[in-house]
Amino acid sequence: MEAWRELWAKSEPRHPLWRHQLDTAAVSLELRNPLLHEGWSAEQLALVVALHDIGKADASFQHQTGGSLSEDLQRAGFGLTSDSKCRHERLSARFLRGAFKSADQEQDADTIARCVLAHHGYWCEGARGVGNAYEKAQQDLCSMLQDVLGVRLDTVPAVKDHSSFGMRLCGHIVLCDWIASNEAFFTDGRLQGIECPRDYLSAARTVAQDWTDRLGLRRPDQTPPRPRDVVGKPRPLQQTLLEETIPPGLVIIEAPMGEGKTEAAWILAEKWTERGFHGMYMALPTMATSDALHGRYRQDYLERLDRGNQAKLVHGMAWLRDDTEPERE
C-alpha cells in the first residue's frame, strides 16, 4: 500500500489527507469556475484547490496528536523529527512555489502560493523543508491528483490579472475547504470503503452536488446573453454600448439624468457574461435609492430577461423592506 495513504487531514474522526484533497476537488468541480475568464479549466482549478492542504504531509502536523495514530505513522515510514512547528498552509505554499518548473512562471507560482497561504487567514510566509519521507509523500500525492484530474500543475494558463485572479482563487479555496471540512460531508456513507482515488472522486462529486444544492450555491446554467433585450428602444448612450466592444473593467458613464445610465450598466453586464463573468452588485448612495432600485432591478431586468428572481437587498434595514422576509406574528 502506498505510504501516503497513512497521512491524515482530520483526526476526530480520522480522515485521510488524500481523501480530503479529493473532497475539496469535488466541491470545486461542482461550483461555478471563477477563473473561467482567465482560461483555466475546472480541472486545473480543482487541482490547485486539492493541493491547498498538501503541507499537512509534515511531521509537525502528523504527529501532533501522538498516541496510536503517531505509532501507525512511524510504522509507515513517517517518523518524528526535531523540526520546528510550521503551519501547514505555509508548507503548502512552499510546495506550490517549487512545483512550477519554468522561470517565467515564477510570478504566477507566487500568486497561486499566496492564495493557498491565506486560506486560514494567516499571511506569514516563512517555511522550512519537510524531510525526505514527507517530501516524497507530497510529490506522490500531487502525482495522484494530477492523474485523477487529468491535468498538470505546471501547464496551467498564465495569470493575466494577478489581483483579480488572487482574490477569486483565494475565496474559492476557502469556500471549497469550508464545505468539504464539514464532518457530515466526509463521513457520508457514500464515501466509505472506497480506496481507488478515481472512484472516490466520483462518489465525492455526488456528495458535493447535494451540499452545493443544500447551501444554495449551485448556479443555473447561464443563458445566452441578451443585451439588446435590456431595453425596448435604446437611447443613444445605450446604443453606443450595444455596438462597442468594451472589455470587463472599470467603466465610468457620465450622462444627464434620464439618459438610461442604469440600463446601460445592465447592458454591459449582459455582454460580459460571454467573458465568464456573472452576477451583479448594484451599489447606491442611500437606503432609499437602494430600496427603489431593488424592485426595479428585479422587474425590469431579471424578469424581463428571464434571469430568475434571486436579487437580495443588502443594507442595515433591509429586513424591514425585503419582500422575501417572512411575516412576523
C-alpha atoms as a PDB file:
ATOM      1  CA  MET A   1       0.000   0.000   0.000  1.00  0.00           C
ATOM      2  CA  GLU A   2       1.239   3.480  -0.827  1.00  0.00           C
ATOM      3  CA  ALA A   3       2.684   5.194   2.240  1.00  0.00           C
ATOM      4  CA  TRP A   4       0.831   8.466   1.587  1.00  0.00           C
ATOM      5  CA  ARG A   5      -2.469   6.748   2.375  1.00  0.00           C
ATOM      6  CA  GLU A   6      -1.485   6.746   6.061  1.00  0.00           C
ATOM      7  CA  LEU A   7      -1.334  10.537   6.283  1.00  0.00           C
ATOM      8  CA  TRP A   8      -4.368  12.223   7.809  1.00  0.00           C
ATOM      9  CA  ALA A   9      -6.094  15.575   7.431  1.00  0.00           C
ATOM     10  CA  LYS A  10      -8.802  15.293  10.104  1.00  0.00           C
ATOM     11  CA  SER A  11      -8.132  13.426  13.337  1.00  0.00           C
ATOM     12  CA  GLU A  12     -11.542  13.147  15.029  1.00  0.00           C
ATOM     13  CA  PRO A  13     -12.907  11.249  13.229  1.00  0.00           C
ATOM     14  CA  ARG A  14      -9.807  10.316  11.290  1.00  0.00           C
ATOM     15  CA  HIS A  15      -9.972  11.277   7.649  1.00  0.00           C
ATOM     16  CA  PRO A  16      -7.023  10.603   5.310  1.00  0.00           C
ATOM     17  CA  LEU A  17      -5.280  13.519   3.672  1.00  0.00           C
ATOM     18  CA  TRP A  18      -5.717  12.126   0.154  1.00  0.00           C
ATOM     19  CA  ARG A  19      -9.459  11.865   0.668  1.00  0.00           C
ATOM     20  CA  HIS A  20      -9.747  15.402   1.994  1.00  0.00           C
ATOM     21  CA  GLN A  21      -7.840  16.628  -1.036  1.00  0.00           C
ATOM     22  CA  LEU A  22     -10.289  14.852  -3.336  1.00  0.00           C
ATOM     23  CA  ASP A  23     -13.229  16.114  -1.249  1.00  0.00           C
ATOM     24  CA  THR A  24     -12.181  19.707  -1.868  1.00  0.00           C
ATOM     25  CA  ALA A  25     -11.517  18.982  -5.549  1.00  0.00           C
ATOM     26  CA  ALA A  26     -15.022  17.508  -5.841  1.00  0.00           C
ATOM     27  CA  VAL A  27     -16.588  20.616  -4.315  1.00  0.00           C
ATOM     28  CA  SER A  28     -14.571  22.823  -6.646  1.00  0.00           C
ATOM     29  CA  LEU A  29     -15.787  20.863  -9.667  1.00  0.00           C
ATOM     30  CA  GLU A  30     -19.410  21.316  -8.592  1.00  0.00           C
ATOM     31  CA  LEU A  31     -19.144  25.078  -8.098  1.00  0.00           C
ATOM     32  CA  ARG A  32     -19.012  27.554 -10.947  1.00  0.00           C
ATOM     33  CA  ASN A  33     -15.442  28.172 -12.116  1.00  0.00           C
ATOM     34  CA  PRO A  34     -14.404  31.700 -11.013  1.00  0.00           C
ATOM     35  CA  LEU A  35     -11.289  31.538 -13.213  1.00  0.00           C
ATOM     36  CA  LEU A  36     -13.079  30.710 -16.449  1.00  0.00           C
ATOM     37  CA  HIS A  37     -12.326  34.138 -17.891  1.00  0.00           C
ATOM     38  CA  GLU A  38      -8.645  33.535 -17.102  1.00  0.00           C
ATOM     39  CA  GLY A  39      -8.672  30.472 -19.344  1.00  0.00           C
ATOM     40  CA  TRP A  40      -8.492  27.952 -16.505  1.00  0.00           C
ATOM     41  CA  SER A  41     -10.441  24.711 -16.812  1.00  0.00           C
ATOM     42  CA  ALA A  42     -12.500  23.377 -13.912  1.00  0.00           C
ATOM     43  CA  GLU A  43      -9.990  20.539 -13.504  1.00  0.00           C
ATOM     44  CA  GLN A  44      -6.993  22.885 -13.336  1.00  0.00           C
ATOM     45  CA  LEU A  45      -8.729  24.922 -10.661  1.00  0.00           C
ATOM     46  CA  ALA A  46      -9.699  21.768  -8.742  1.00  0.00           C
ATOM     47  CA  LEU A  47      -6.064  20.631  -8.745  1.00  0.00           C
ATOM     48  CA  VAL A  48      -4.874  23.809  -7.035  1.00  0.00           C
ATOM     49  CA  VAL A  49      -7.758  23.576  -4.560  1.00  0.00           C
ATOM     50  CA  ALA A  50      -6.828  19.958  -3.793  1.00  0.00           C
ATOM     51  CA  LEU A  51      -3.229  20.985  -3.090  1.00  0.00           C
ATOM     52  CA  HIS A  52      -4.187  23.611  -0.511  1.00  0.00           C
ATOM     53  CA  ASP A  53      -3.516  21.194   2.372  1.00  0.00           C
ATOM     54  CA  ILE A  54      -0.550  19.287   0.977  1.00  0.00           C
ATOM     55  CA  GLY A  55       1.552  20.936   3.697  1.00  0.00           C
ATOM     56  CA  LYS A  56      -0.154  18.630   6.187  1.00  0.00           C
ATOM     57  CA  ALA A  57       2.267  15.980   4.927  1.00  0.00           C
ATOM     58  CA  ASP A  58       4.775  17.080   7.563  1.00  0.00           C
ATOM     59  CA  ALA A  59       5.938  15.683  10.890  1.00  0.00           C
ATOM     60  CA  SER A  60       4.823  18.636  12.999  1.00  0.00           C
ATOM     61  CA  PHE A  61       1.248  18.209  11.768  1.00  0.00           C
ATOM     62  CA  GLN A  62       1.026  14.437  11.520  1.00  0.00           C
ATOM     63  CA  HIS A  63       2.425  13.691  14.975  1.00  0.00           C
ATOM     64  CA  GLN A  64       0.643  16.442  16.897  1.00  0.00           C
ATOM     65  CA  THR A  65      -1.964  14.064  18.355  1.00  0.00           C
ATOM     66  CA  GLY A  66       0.520  11.378  19.438  1.00  0.00           C
ATOM     67  CA  GLY A  67      -0.746   8.002  20.613  1.00  0.00           C
ATOM     68  CA  SER A  68      -1.620   5.122  18.295  1.00  0.00           C
ATOM     69  CA  LEU A  69      -2.010   7.461  15.337  1.00  0.00           C
ATOM     70  CA  SER A  70       1.613   8.551  15.678  1.00  0.00           C
ATOM     71  CA  GLU A  71       2.713   4.935  16.044  1.00  0.00           C
ATOM     72  CA  ASP A  72       0.912   3.964  12.830  1.00  0.00           C
ATOM     73  CA  LEU A  73       2.649   6.803  11.004  1.00  0.00           C
ATOM     74  CA  GLN A  74       6.078   5.754  12.220  1.00  0.00           C
ATOM     75  CA  ARG A  75       5.489   2.197  11.041  1.00  0.00           C
ATOM     76  CA  ALA A  76       4.638   3.624   7.607  1.00  0.00           C
ATOM     77  CA  GLY A  77       7.967   5.469   7.482  1.00  0.00           C
ATOM     78  CA  PHE A  78       6.798   8.897   8.668  1.00  0.00           C
ATOM     79  CA  GLY A  79       8.968   9.412  11.694  1.00  0.00           C
ATOM     80  CA  LEU A  80       9.093  12.053  14.374  1.00  0.00           C
ATOM     81  CA  THR A  81      11.539  14.860  13.712  1.00  0.00           C
ATOM     82  CA  SER A  82      13.062  17.721  15.650  1.00  0.00           C
ATOM     83  CA  ASP A  83      11.830  20.252  13.087  1.00  0.00           C
ATOM     84  CA  SER A  84      10.217  23.361  14.500  1.00  0.00           C
ATOM     85  CA  LYS A  85       6.470  23.717  14.189  1.00  0.00           C
ATOM     86  CA  CYS A  86       5.289  25.333  10.974  1.00  0.00           C
ATOM     87  CA  ARG A  87       1.693  25.955   9.951  1.00  0.00           C
ATOM     88  CA  HIS A  88       0.605  23.605   7.189  1.00  0.00           C
ATOM     89  CA  GLU A  89      -0.586  26.326   4.797  1.00  0.00           C
ATOM     90  CA  ARG A  90       2.910  27.822   4.792  1.00  0.00           C
ATOM     91  CA  LEU A  91       4.297  24.437   3.799  1.00  0.00           C
ATOM     92  CA  SER A  92       1.605  24.082   1.142  1.00  0.00           C
ATOM     93  CA  ALA A  93       2.614  27.434  -0.317  1.00  0.00           C
ATOM     94  CA  ARG A  94       6.268  26.369  -0.290  1.00  0.00           C
ATOM     95  CA  PHE A  95       5.393  23.197  -2.199  1.00  0.00           C
ATOM     96  CA  LEU A  96       3.421  25.092  -4.837  1.00  0.00           C
ATOM     97  CA  ARG A  97       6.199  27.591  -5.425  1.00  0.00           C
ATOM     98  CA  GLY A  98       8.546  24.705  -6.127  1.00  0.00           C
ATOM     99  CA  ALA A  99       6.105  22.819  -8.331  1.00  0.00           C
ATOM    100  CA  PHE A 100       6.400  25.262 -11.224  1.00  0.00           C
ATOM    101  CA  LYS A 101       9.479  24.384 -13.232  1.00  0.00           C
ATOM    102  CA  SER A 102       9.711  27.282 -15.664  1.00  0.00           C
ATOM    103  CA  ALA A 103      11.404  30.519 -14.627  1.00  0.00           C
ATOM    104  CA  ASP A 104       8.774  32.593 -16.440  1.00  0.00           C
ATOM    105  CA  GLN A 105       6.102  31.068 -14.162  1.00  0.00           C
ATOM    106  CA  GLU A 106       7.690  32.431 -11.014  1.00  0.00           C
ATOM    107  CA  GLN A 107       5.261  35.315 -10.555  1.00  0.00           C
ATOM    108  CA  ASP A 108       2.260  33.105 -11.291  1.00  0.00           C
ATOM    109  CA  ALA A 109       3.535  30.497  -8.828  1.00  0.00           C
ATOM    110  CA  ASP A 110       3.922  33.193  -6.183  1.00  0.00           C
ATOM    111  CA  THR A 111       0.335  34.402  -6.684  1.00  0.00           C
ATOM    112  CA  ILE A 112      -1.089  30.874  -6.511  1.00  0.00           C
ATOM    113  CA  ALA A 113       1.020  30.071  -3.447  1.00  0.00           C
ATOM    114  CA  ARG A 114      -0.181  33.201  -1.653  1.00  0.00           C
ATOM    115  CA  CYS A 115      -3.811  32.208  -2.288  1.00  0.00           C
ATOM    116  CA  VAL A 116      -3.150  28.834  -0.656  1.00  0.00           C
ATOM    117  CA  LEU A 117      -1.183  30.502   2.142  1.00  0.00           C
ATOM    118  CA  ALA A 118      -4.158  32.667   3.098  1.00  0.00           C
ATOM    119  CA  HIS A 119      -6.870  30.015   3.315  1.00  0.00           C
ATOM    120  CA  HIS A 120      -6.862  30.117   7.142  1.00  0.00           C
ATOM    121  CA  GLY A 121      -6.346  33.867   7.347  1.00  0.00           C
ATOM    122  CA  TYR A 122      -2.623  33.821   8.104  1.00  0.00           C
ATOM    123  CA  TRP A 123      -0.076  35.618   5.935  1.00  0.00           C
ATOM    124  CA  CYS A 124       3.299  34.684   7.437  1.00  0.00           C
ATOM    125  CA  GLU A 125       5.254  33.033   4.624  1.00  0.00           C
ATOM    126  CA  GLY A 126       8.369  31.588   6.249  1.00  0.00           C
ATOM    127  CA  ALA A 127       8.561  27.825   5.750  1.00  0.00           C
ATOM    128  CA  ARG A 128      11.217  25.134   6.155  1.00  0.00           C
ATOM    129  CA  GLY A 129      11.709  21.832   4.368  1.00  0.00           C
ATOM    130  CA  VAL A 130       9.717  18.758   5.398  1.00  0.00           C
ATOM    131  CA  GLY A 131      12.273  15.944   5.176  1.00  0.00           C
ATOM    132  CA  ASN A 132      12.679  13.167   2.643  1.00  0.00           C
ATOM    133  CA  ALA A 133       9.773  10.908   3.604  1.00  0.00           C
ATOM    134  CA  TYR A 134       7.241  13.739   3.694  1.00  0.00           C
ATOM    135  CA  GLU A 135       8.661  15.394   0.580  1.00  0.00           C
ATOM    136  CA  LYS A 136       8.186  12.138  -1.335  1.00  0.00           C
ATOM    137  CA  ALA A 137       4.639  11.848   0.028  1.00  0.00           C
ATOM    138  CA  GLN A 138       3.863  15.373  -1.181  1.00  0.00           C
ATOM    139  CA  GLN A 139       5.190  14.560  -4.641  1.00  0.00           C
ATOM    140  CA  ASP A 140       3.245  11.288  -4.734  1.00  0.00           C
ATOM    141  CA  LEU A 141       0.032  12.968  -3.623  1.00  0.00           C
ATOM    142  CA  CYS A 142       0.465  15.651  -6.281  1.00  0.00           C
ATOM    143  CA  SER A 143       1.062  12.996  -8.953  1.00  0.00           C
ATOM    144  CA  MET A 144      -2.036  11.095  -7.851  1.00  0.00           C
ATOM    145  CA  LEU A 145      -4.170  14.227  -8.048  1.00  0.00           C
ATOM    146  CA  GLN A 146      -2.794  15.134 -11.479  1.00  0.00           C
ATOM    147  CA  ASP A 147      -3.560  11.647 -12.774  1.00  0.00           C
ATOM    148  CA  VAL A 148      -7.088  11.593 -11.376  1.00  0.00           C
ATOM    149  CA  LEU A 149      -7.947  15.094 -12.612  1.00  0.00           C
ATOM    150  CA  GLY A 150      -6.122  14.680 -15.932  1.00  0.00           C
ATOM    151  CA  VAL A 151      -4.185  17.950 -15.731  1.00  0.00           C
ATOM    152  CA  ARG A 152      -0.680  19.060 -14.752  1.00  0.00           C
ATOM    153  CA  LEU A 153       0.087  21.907 -12.406  1.00  0.00           C
ATOM    154  CA  ASP A 154       2.955  23.342 -14.444  1.00  0.00           C
ATOM    155  CA  THR A 155       0.807  23.681 -17.588  1.00  0.00           C
ATOM    156  CA  VAL A 156      -1.941  25.922 -16.182  1.00  0.00           C
ATOM    157  CA  PRO A 157      -2.615  29.143 -18.148  1.00  0.00           C
ATOM    158  CA  ALA A 158      -0.596  32.241 -17.368  1.00  0.00           C
ATOM    159  CA  VAL A 159      -2.207  34.660 -14.939  1.00  0.00           C
ATOM    160  CA  LYS A 160      -3.445  37.804 -16.671  1.00  0.00           C
ATOM    161  CA  ASP A 161      -4.562  39.978 -13.755  1.00  0.00           C
ATOM    162  CA  HIS A 162      -2.862  38.907 -10.531  1.00  0.00           C
ATOM    163  CA  SER A 163      -5.072  40.997  -8.252  1.00  0.00           C
ATOM    164  CA  SER A 164      -8.389  39.772  -9.653  1.00  0.00           C
ATOM    165  CA  PHE A 165      -7.089  36.223 -10.036  1.00  0.00           C
ATOM    166  CA  GLY A 166      -5.788  36.122  -6.478  1.00  0.00           C
ATOM    167  CA  MET A 167      -8.999  37.340  -4.882  1.00  0.00           C
ATOM    168  CA  ARG A 168     -11.115  34.875  -6.845  1.00  0.00           C
ATOM    169  CA  LEU A 169      -8.863  31.888  -6.248  1.00  0.00           C
ATOM    170  CA  CYS A 170      -8.389  32.585  -2.545  1.00  0.00           C
ATOM    171  CA  GLY A 171     -12.119  32.904  -1.936  1.00  0.00           C
ATOM    172  CA  HIS A 172     -12.813  29.754  -3.923  1.00  0.00           C
ATOM    173  CA  ILE A 173     -10.276  27.730  -1.930  1.00  0.00           C
ATOM    174  CA  VAL A 174     -11.764  28.899   1.375  1.00  0.00           C
ATOM    175  CA  LEU A 175     -15.310  28.022   0.264  1.00  0.00           C
ATOM    176  CA  CYS A 176     -14.346  24.562  -1.016  1.00  0.00           C
ATOM    177  CA  ASP A 177     -12.393  23.778   2.158  1.00  0.00           C
ATOM    178  CA  TRP A 178     -15.237  25.005   4.364  1.00  0.00           C
ATOM    179  CA  ILE A 179     -17.785  22.735   2.692  1.00  0.00           C
ATOM    180  CA  ALA A 180     -15.538  19.669   2.459  1.00  0.00           C
ATOM    181  CA  SER A 181     -14.401  20.031   6.083  1.00  0.00           C
ATOM    182  CA  ASN A 182     -17.912  19.625   7.427  1.00  0.00           C
ATOM    183  CA  GLU A 183     -17.937  16.337   9.344  1.00  0.00           C
ATOM    184  CA  ALA A 184     -21.285  15.412   7.818  1.00  0.00           C
ATOM    185  CA  PHE A 185     -19.673  15.720   4.386  1.00  0.00           C
ATOM    186  CA  PHE A 186     -16.647  13.488   4.823  1.00  0.00           C
ATOM    187  CA  THR A 187     -18.429  10.908   6.979  1.00  0.00           C
ATOM    188  CA  ASP A 188     -21.189  10.459   4.400  1.00  0.00           C
ATOM    189  CA  GLY A 189     -21.864   6.739   3.945  1.00  0.00           C
ATOM    190  CA  ARG A 190     -21.447   7.013   0.190  1.00  0.00           C
ATOM    191  CA  LEU A 191     -17.730   7.765   0.696  1.00  0.00           C
ATOM    192  CA  GLN A 192     -16.873   4.919   3.000  1.00  0.00           C
ATOM    193  CA  GLY A 193     -14.752   1.943   1.945  1.00  0.00           C
ATOM    194  CA  ILE A 194     -13.596   3.405  -1.381  1.00  0.00           C
ATOM    195  CA  GLU A 195      -9.836   3.037  -1.853  1.00  0.00           C
ATOM    196  CA  CYS A 196      -9.482   3.876  -5.551  1.00  0.00           C
ATOM    197  CA  PRO A 197      -8.880   7.664  -5.899  1.00  0.00           C
ATOM    198  CA  ARG A 198     -10.822   7.892  -9.171  1.00  0.00           C
ATOM    199  CA  ASP A 199     -13.823   6.091  -7.698  1.00  0.00           C
ATOM    200  CA  TYR A 200     -13.579   8.181  -4.558  1.00  0.00           C
ATOM    201  CA  LEU A 201     -13.620  11.439  -6.537  1.00  0.00           C
ATOM    202  CA  SER A 202     -16.704  10.274  -8.416  1.00  0.00           C
ATOM    203  CA  ALA A 203     -18.515   9.491  -5.166  1.00  0.00           C
ATOM    204  CA  ALA A 204     -17.336  12.752  -3.583  1.00  0.00           C
ATOM    205  CA  ARG A 205     -18.760  14.720  -6.505  1.00  0.00           C
ATOM    206  CA  THR A 206     -22.166  13.172  -5.821  1.00  0.00           C
ATOM    207  CA  VAL A 207     -21.931  14.265  -2.179  1.00  0.00           C
ATOM    208  CA  ALA A 208     -20.680  17.702  -3.261  1.00  0.00           C
ATOM    209  CA  GLN A 209     -23.668  18.102  -5.573  1.00  0.00           C
ATOM    210  CA  ASP A 210     -26.004  17.561  -2.645  1.00  0.00           C
ATOM    211  CA  TRP A 211     -24.148  20.072  -0.496  1.00  0.00           C
ATOM    212  CA  THR A 212     -23.977  22.813  -3.113  1.00  0.00           C
ATOM    213  CA  ASP A 213     -27.725  22.393  -3.671  1.00  0.00           C
ATOM    214  CA  ARG A 214     -28.424  22.391   0.070  1.00  0.00           C
ATOM    215  CA  LEU A 215     -26.410  25.560   0.577  1.00  0.00           C
ATOM    216  CA  GLY A 216     -27.969  27.300  -2.407  1.00  0.00           C
ATOM    217  CA  LEU A 217     -24.617  27.620  -4.168  1.00  0.00           C
ATOM    218  CA  ARG A 218     -25.461  25.895  -7.422  1.00  0.00           C
ATOM    219  CA  ARG A 219     -25.947  28.424 -10.156  1.00  0.00           C
ATOM    220  CA  PRO A 220     -28.226  27.522 -13.046  1.00  0.00           C
ATOM    221  CA  ASP A 221     -26.574  27.183 -16.413  1.00  0.00           C
ATOM    222  CA  GLN A 222     -26.015  30.651 -17.780  1.00  0.00           C
ATOM    223  CA  THR A 223     -28.492  31.508 -20.501  1.00  0.00           C
ATOM    224  CA  PRO A 224     -27.129  33.225 -23.612  1.00  0.00           C
ATOM    225  CA  PRO A 225     -26.527  36.959 -23.123  1.00  0.00           C
ATOM    226  CA  ARG A 226     -29.330  39.200 -24.377  1.00  0.00           C
ATOM    227  CA  PRO A 227     -28.002  42.767 -24.187  1.00  0.00           C
ATOM    228  CA  ARG A 228     -30.384  44.005 -26.884  1.00  0.00           C
ATOM    229  CA  ASP A 229     -33.366  42.925 -24.813  1.00  0.00           C
ATOM    230  CA  VAL A 230     -32.447  45.052 -21.808  1.00  0.00           C
ATOM    231  CA  VAL A 231     -34.418  47.980 -23.246  1.00  0.00           C
ATOM    232  CA  GLY A 232     -37.030  48.051 -25.970  1.00  0.00           C
ATOM    233  CA  LYS A 233     -35.846  51.216 -27.728  1.00  0.00           C
ATOM    234  CA  PRO A 234     -32.220  52.061 -26.847  1.00  0.00           C
ATOM    235  CA  ARG A 235     -31.268  55.670 -26.194  1.00  0.00           C
ATOM    236  CA  PRO A 236     -28.074  56.941 -27.905  1.00  0.00           C
ATOM    237  CA  LEU A 237     -25.880  56.122 -24.910  1.00  0.00           C
ATOM    238  CA  GLN A 238     -27.281  52.595 -24.698  1.00  0.00           C
ATOM    239  CA  GLN A 239     -26.990  52.074 -28.446  1.00  0.00           C
ATOM    240  CA  THR A 240     -23.315  53.006 -28.282  1.00  0.00           C
ATOM    241  CA  LEU A 241     -22.668  50.369 -25.642  1.00  0.00           C
ATOM    242  CA  LEU A 242     -24.567  47.782 -27.670  1.00  0.00           C
ATOM    243  CA  GLU A 243     -22.370  48.457 -30.692  1.00  0.00           C
ATOM    244  CA  GLU A 244     -18.997  48.912 -28.986  1.00  0.00           C
ATOM    245  CA  THR A 245     -16.815  46.144 -27.599  1.00  0.00           C
ATOM    246  CA  ILE A 246     -15.743  47.173 -24.103  1.00  0.00           C
ATOM    247  CA  PRO A 247     -13.708  44.629 -22.117  1.00  0.00           C
ATOM    248  CA  PRO A 248     -14.621  43.958 -18.474  1.00  0.00           C
ATOM    249  CA  GLY A 249     -13.173  46.559 -16.167  1.00  0.00           C
ATOM    250  CA  LEU A 250     -13.922  49.951 -14.655  1.00  0.00           C
ATOM    251  CA  VAL A 251     -16.315  51.874 -16.909  1.00  0.00           C
ATOM    252  CA  ILE A 252     -17.409  55.393 -15.972  1.00  0.00           C
ATOM    253  CA  ILE A 253     -20.611  56.575 -17.654  1.00  0.00           C
ATOM    254  CA  GLU A 254     -21.411  60.289 -17.496  1.00  0.00           C
ATOM    255  CA  ALA A 255     -24.736  61.488 -18.902  1.00  0.00           C
ATOM    256  CA  PRO A 256     -27.663  63.733 -17.885  1.00  0.00           C
ATOM    257  CA  MET A 257     -30.494  62.331 -15.797  1.00  0.00           C
ATOM    258  CA  GLY A 258     -32.906  60.251 -17.843  1.00  0.00           C
ATOM    259  CA  GLU A 259     -30.406  59.008 -20.419  1.00  0.00           C
ATOM    260  CA  GLY A 260     -30.579  55.441 -19.111  1.00  0.00           C
ATOM    261  CA  LYS A 261     -27.292  55.027 -17.281  1.00  0.00           C
ATOM    262  CA  THR A 262     -28.653  52.212 -15.111  1.00  0.00           C
ATOM    263  CA  GLU A 263     -29.849  50.228 -18.117  1.00  0.00           C
ATOM    264  CA  ALA A 264     -26.501  50.944 -19.775  1.00  0.00           C
ATOM    265  CA  ALA A 265     -24.787  49.177 -16.869  1.00  0.00           C
ATOM    266  CA  TRP A 266     -27.142  46.228 -17.300  1.00  0.00           C
ATOM    267  CA  ILE A 267     -26.246  46.082 -20.982  1.00  0.00           C
ATOM    268  CA  LEU A 268     -22.558  45.854 -20.126  1.00  0.00           C
ATOM    269  CA  ALA A 269     -23.252  43.152 -17.538  1.00  0.00           C
ATOM    270  CA  GLU A 270     -25.127  41.131 -20.161  1.00  0.00           C
ATOM    271  CA  LYS A 271     -22.308  41.455 -22.677  1.00  0.00           C
ATOM    272  CA  TRP A 272     -19.679  40.495 -20.118  1.00  0.00           C
ATOM    273  CA  THR A 273     -21.333  37.149 -19.363  1.00  0.00           C
ATOM    274  CA  GLU A 274     -19.674  35.955 -22.581  1.00  0.00           C
ATOM    275  CA  ARG A 275     -16.320  36.599 -20.879  1.00  0.00           C
ATOM    276  CA  GLY A 276     -17.096  34.295 -17.953  1.00  0.00           C
ATOM    277  CA  PHE A 277     -18.398  36.982 -15.574  1.00  0.00           C
ATOM    278  CA  HIS A 278     -21.731  36.563 -13.845  1.00  0.00           C
ATOM    279  CA  GLY A 279     -23.836  38.234 -11.229  1.00  0.00           C
ATOM    280  CA  MET A 280     -24.242  41.891 -10.402  1.00  0.00           C
ATOM    281  CA  TYR A 281     -23.911  44.126  -7.359  1.00  0.00           C
ATOM    282  CA  MET A 282     -25.779  47.415  -7.597  1.00  0.00           C
ATOM    283  CA  ALA A 283     -24.327  49.936  -5.093  1.00  0.00           C
ATOM    284  CA  LEU A 284     -26.444  53.005  -4.317  1.00  0.00           C
ATOM    285  CA  PRO A 285     -25.613  56.010  -2.089  1.00  0.00           C
ATOM    286  CA  THR A 286     -28.592  55.684   0.294  1.00  0.00           C
ATOM    287  CA  MET A 287     -31.008  53.093   1.641  1.00  0.00           C
ATOM    288  CA  ALA A 288     -33.912  54.870  -0.046  1.00  0.00           C
ATOM    289  CA  THR A 289     -32.329  54.693  -3.507  1.00  0.00           C
ATOM    290  CA  SER A 290     -31.347  51.075  -2.868  1.00  0.00           C
ATOM    291  CA  ASP A 291     -34.943  50.225  -1.974  1.00  0.00           C
ATOM    292  CA  ALA A 292     -36.230  51.828  -5.164  1.00  0.00           C
ATOM    293  CA  LEU A 293     -33.717  50.155  -7.459  1.00  0.00           C
ATOM    294  CA  HIS A 294     -34.165  46.753  -5.838  1.00  0.00           C
ATOM    295  CA  GLY A 295     -37.698  46.356  -7.180  1.00  0.00           C
ATOM    296  CA  ARG A 296     -36.825  47.930 -10.495  1.00  0.00           C
ATOM    297  CA  TYR A 297     -33.838  45.615 -10.968  1.00  0.00           C
ATOM    298  CA  ARG A 298     -35.955  42.554 -10.347  1.00  0.00           C
ATOM    299  CA  GLN A 299     -38.851  43.598 -12.576  1.00  0.00           C
ATOM    300  CA  ASP A 300     -37.128  45.492 -15.381  1.00  0.00           C
ATOM    301  CA  TYR A 301     -34.005  43.362 -15.655  1.00  0.00           C
ATOM    302  CA  LEU A 302     -34.243  39.909 -14.064  1.00  0.00           C
ATOM    303  CA  GLU A 303     -37.835  39.155 -15.030  1.00  0.00           C
ATOM    304  CA  ARG A 304     -37.600  40.810 -18.418  1.00  0.00           C
ATOM    305  CA  LEU A 305     -34.581  38.684 -19.385  1.00  0.00           C
ATOM    306  CA  ASP A 306     -35.690  35.512 -17.579  1.00  0.00           C
ATOM    307  CA  ARG A 307     -32.773  35.728 -15.161  1.00  0.00           C
ATOM    308  CA  GLY A 308     -34.711  34.365 -12.196  1.00  0.00           C
ATOM    309  CA  ASN A 309     -35.643  36.385  -9.136  1.00  0.00           C
ATOM    310  CA  GLN A 310     -32.701  35.982  -6.772  1.00  0.00           C
ATOM    311  CA  ALA A 311     -31.828  39.629  -6.142  1.00  0.00           C
ATOM    312  CA  LYS A 312     -31.151  40.383  -2.478  1.00  0.00           C
ATOM    313  CA  LEU A 313     -31.448  43.751  -0.798  1.00  0.00           C
ATOM    314  CA  VAL A 314     -28.439  44.211   1.488  1.00  0.00           C
ATOM    315  CA  HIS A 315     -28.332  47.205   3.794  1.00  0.00           C
ATOM    316  CA  GLY A 316     -28.798  47.693   7.529  1.00  0.00           C
ATOM    317  CA  MET A 317     -32.580  47.995   7.405  1.00  0.00           C
ATOM    318  CA  ALA A 318     -33.220  45.575   4.555  1.00  0.00           C
ATOM    319  CA  TRP A 319     -35.113  43.165   6.821  1.00  0.00           C
ATOM    320  CA  LEU A 320     -37.897  45.776   7.046  1.00  0.00           C
ATOM    321  CA  ARG A 321     -38.214  46.183   3.296  1.00  0.00           C
ATOM    322  CA  ASP A 322     -37.261  42.922   1.565  1.00  0.00           C
ATOM    323  CA  ASP A 323     -40.483  41.306   0.385  1.00  0.00           C
ATOM    324  CA  THR A 324     -38.939  37.871   0.886  1.00  0.00           C
ATOM    325  CA  GLU A 325     -38.837  38.447   4.663  1.00  0.00           C
ATOM    326  CA  PRO A 326     -41.359  36.108   6.370  1.00  0.00           C
ATOM    327  CA  GLU A 327     -44.280  37.724   8.130  1.00  0.00           C
ATOM    328  CA  ARG A 328     -43.836  38.306  11.848  1.00  0.00           C
ATOM    329  CA  GLU A 329     -46.579  37.251  14.237  1.00  0.00           C
END
